[in-house]
C-alpha atoms as a PDB file:
ATOM      1  CA  MET A   1     -30.312 -23.636 206.987  1.00  0.00           C
ATOM      2  CA  LEU A   2     -27.858 -25.131 204.266  1.00  0.00           C
ATOM      3  CA  ILE A   3     -25.365 -22.786 202.862  1.00  0.00           C
ATOM      4  CA  ILE A   4     -23.526 -23.162 199.123  1.00  0.00           C
ATOM      5  CA  LYS A   5     -20.475 -21.750 198.488  1.00  0.00           C
ATOM      6  CA  SER A   6     -20.199 -22.685 194.809  1.00  0.00           C
ATOM      7  CA  ILE A   7     -22.390 -20.175 193.017  1.00  0.00           C
ATOM      8  CA  LYS A   8     -21.435 -20.955 189.375  1.00  0.00           C
ATOM      9  CA  LYS A   9     -24.415 -22.959 188.551  1.00  0.00           C
ATOM     10  CA  PHE A  10     -26.829 -20.590 190.365  1.00  0.00           C
ATOM     11  CA  ILE A  11     -25.792 -17.298 188.490  1.00  0.00           C
ATOM     12  CA  ILE A  12     -26.470 -15.921 184.842  1.00  0.00           C
ATOM     13  CA  PHE A  13     -25.656 -12.687 183.357  1.00  0.00           C
ATOM     14  CA  ARG A  14     -28.137 -10.310 182.605  1.00  0.00           C
ATOM     15  CA  GLU A  15     -27.241 -10.577 178.764  1.00  0.00           C
ATOM     16  CA  ASP A  16     -27.431 -14.192 178.756  1.00  0.00           C
ATOM     17  CA  THR A  17     -30.115 -15.742 176.390  1.00  0.00           C
ATOM     18  CA  ILE A  18     -33.365 -17.323 178.129  1.00  0.00           C
ATOM     19  CA  PHE A  19     -32.770 -20.455 176.425  1.00  0.00           C
ATOM     20  CA  ASP A  20     -28.978 -20.290 178.820  1.00  0.00           C
ATOM     21  CA  ALA A  21     -30.638 -19.450 181.561  1.00  0.00           C
ATOM     22  CA  LEU A  22     -33.389 -22.358 181.284  1.00  0.00           C
ATOM     23  CA  ARG A  23     -30.639 -24.694 180.828  1.00  0.00           C
ATOM     24  CA  LYS A  24     -28.970 -23.546 183.374  1.00  0.00           C
ATOM     25  CA  ILE A  25     -31.838 -23.853 185.553  1.00  0.00           C
ATOM     26  CA  ASP A  26     -32.844 -27.535 184.614  1.00  0.00           C
ATOM     27  CA  LYS A  27     -29.159 -28.450 185.327  1.00  0.00           C
ATOM     28  CA  ASN A  28     -28.632 -26.869 188.953  1.00  0.00           C
ATOM     29  CA  GLU A  29     -32.030 -28.943 189.731  1.00  0.00           C
ATOM     30  CA  ARG A  30     -32.818 -26.368 192.508  1.00  0.00           C
ATOM     31  CA  ARG A  31     -35.412 -24.481 190.123  1.00  0.00           C
ATOM     32  CA  ILE A  32     -33.604 -20.946 190.347  1.00  0.00           C
ATOM     33  CA  ILE A  33     -30.699 -18.726 188.941  1.00  0.00           C
ATOM     34  CA  PHE A  34     -29.966 -15.419 190.073  1.00  0.00           C
ATOM     35  CA  VAL A  35     -29.249 -12.657 187.760  1.00  0.00           C
ATOM     36  CA  VAL A  36     -26.069 -10.556 188.154  1.00  0.00           C
ATOM     37  CA  ASP A  37     -24.542  -7.627 185.715  1.00  0.00           C
ATOM     38  CA  CYS A  38     -21.611  -7.608 183.973  1.00  0.00           C
ATOM     39  CA  ASN A  39     -19.400  -6.560 187.751  1.00  0.00           C
ATOM     40  CA  GLY A  40     -21.220  -9.383 189.678  1.00  0.00           C
ATOM     41  CA  ILE A  41     -23.643  -7.428 191.327  1.00  0.00           C
ATOM     42  CA  LEU A  42     -27.092  -9.515 192.086  1.00  0.00           C
ATOM     43  CA  GLU A  43     -29.819  -8.002 189.854  1.00  0.00           C
ATOM     44  CA  GLY A  44     -32.800 -10.406 190.305  1.00  0.00           C
ATOM     45  CA  ALA A  45     -33.852 -14.313 190.204  1.00  0.00           C
ATOM     46  CA  VAL A  46     -35.521 -16.134 187.620  1.00  0.00           C
ATOM     47  CA  THR A  47     -37.557 -19.234 188.662  1.00  0.00           C
ATOM     48  CA  ASP A  48     -39.216 -21.912 186.375  1.00  0.00           C
ATOM     49  CA  GLY A  49     -42.467 -20.412 187.698  1.00  0.00           C
ATOM     50  CA  ASP A  50     -41.183 -16.753 186.504  1.00  0.00           C
ATOM     51  CA  PHE A  51     -40.312 -18.213 183.195  1.00  0.00           C
ATOM     52  CA  ARG A  52     -44.207 -20.135 182.724  1.00  0.00           C
ATOM     53  CA  ARG A  53     -45.605 -16.700 184.087  1.00  0.00           C
ATOM     54  CA  TRP A  54     -43.755 -14.788 181.736  1.00  0.00           C
ATOM     55  CA  SER A  55     -44.164 -17.205 178.698  1.00  0.00           C
ATOM     56  CA  THR A  56     -48.089 -16.955 178.962  1.00  0.00           C
ATOM     57  CA  SER A  57     -48.187 -13.446 178.892  1.00  0.00           C
ATOM     58  CA  GLN A  58     -46.261 -13.311 175.731  1.00  0.00           C
ATOM     59  CA  ARG A  59     -48.115 -13.501 172.455  1.00  0.00           C
ATOM     60  CA  ALA A  60     -44.667 -14.790 170.873  1.00  0.00           C
ATOM     61  CA  PHE A  61     -41.385 -14.720 172.541  1.00  0.00           C
ATOM     62  CA  ASP A  62     -37.862 -15.272 171.773  1.00  0.00           C
ATOM     63  CA  LEU A  63     -35.628 -17.912 173.918  1.00  0.00           C
ATOM     64  CA  GLY A  64     -32.638 -16.264 172.072  1.00  0.00           C
ATOM     65  CA  GLY A  65     -33.798 -12.507 174.550  1.00  0.00           C
ATOM     66  CA  ALA A  66     -32.236 -11.589 177.383  1.00  0.00           C
ATOM     67  CA  ILE A  67     -32.891 -13.294 180.199  1.00  0.00           C
ATOM     68  CA  SER A  68     -33.012  -9.576 182.395  1.00  0.00           C
ATOM     69  CA  ASN A  69     -36.483  -9.716 180.149  1.00  0.00           C
ATOM     70  CA  VAL A  70     -37.511 -12.178 182.442  1.00  0.00           C
ATOM     71  CA  MET A  71     -36.017 -11.931 185.855  1.00  0.00           C
ATOM     72  CA  ASN A  72     -37.732 -10.594 189.103  1.00  0.00           C
ATOM     73  CA  SER A  73     -36.023  -8.027 190.568  1.00  0.00           C
ATOM     74  CA  ASP A  74     -38.271  -8.139 193.636  1.00  0.00           C
ATOM     75  CA  ILE A  75     -36.145 -10.810 195.592  1.00  0.00           C
ATOM     76  CA  VAL A  76     -35.310 -11.913 199.125  1.00  0.00           C
ATOM     77  CA  ILE A  77     -31.403 -11.100 199.773  1.00  0.00           C
ATOM     78  CA  HIS A  78     -29.565 -10.931 202.944  1.00  0.00           C
ATOM     79  CA  ALA A  79     -25.762  -9.527 203.684  1.00  0.00           C
ATOM     80  CA  ILE A  80     -23.381 -12.706 204.273  1.00  0.00           C
ATOM     81  CA  HIS A  81     -22.889 -11.381 208.290  1.00  0.00           C
ATOM     82  CA  ASP A  82     -26.478 -11.391 209.108  1.00  0.00           C
ATOM     83  CA  ASP A  83     -27.623 -13.387 212.242  1.00  0.00           C
ATOM     84  CA  PRO A  84     -28.478 -16.938 210.994  1.00  0.00           C
ATOM     85  CA  ALA A  85     -31.801 -16.321 212.989  1.00  0.00           C
ATOM     86  CA  VAL A  86     -32.821 -13.323 211.075  1.00  0.00           C
ATOM     87  CA  ILE A  87     -32.111 -15.171 207.528  1.00  0.00           C
ATOM     88  CA  SER A  88     -34.345 -18.438 208.782  1.00  0.00           C
ATOM     89  CA  ALA A  89     -36.810 -15.817 209.443  1.00  0.00           C
ATOM     90  CA  SER A  90     -36.772 -14.567 206.001  1.00  0.00           C
ATOM     91  CA  PHE A  91     -37.909 -18.338 204.410  1.00  0.00           C
ATOM     92  CA  SER A  92     -41.405 -18.958 203.952  1.00  0.00           C
ATOM     93  CA  THR A  93     -43.366 -21.289 201.404  1.00  0.00           C
ATOM     94  CA  ARG A  94     -42.416 -18.594 198.547  1.00  0.00           C
ATOM     95  CA  VAL A  95     -38.997 -18.557 199.544  1.00  0.00           C
ATOM     96  CA  ASP A  96     -36.998 -21.063 200.098  1.00  0.00           C
ATOM     97  CA  ILE A  97     -33.401 -19.755 198.985  1.00  0.00           C
ATOM     98  CA  ILE A  98     -31.892 -16.579 199.805  1.00  0.00           C
ATOM     99  CA  PRO A  99     -28.765 -15.392 198.434  1.00  0.00           C
ATOM    100  CA  LEU A 100     -25.996 -13.807 200.808  1.00  0.00           C
ATOM    101  CA  VAL A 101     -24.356 -11.224 199.712  1.00  0.00           C
END
């Protein structure tokens, strides 16, 4: 299990645009970003797959819209002090990055 402490490249504010989020996903090369509110509280995540599913379900969409319209709020999280074995058990073929809060 790799723990990355520099989270700047993995977070975006809920009011930021879908375009900005996609750019950040592309730059961080991990296919995911985490969406936070103005207080830094984790609200959800967006993967490149979430974006594809969202975009194909829309008749028309605006990349200038808020990323909160695309985010998935049903994500796996753990507390920073959780037992590493418990955290490791949460990884699966669907979950390969878990934010520690």
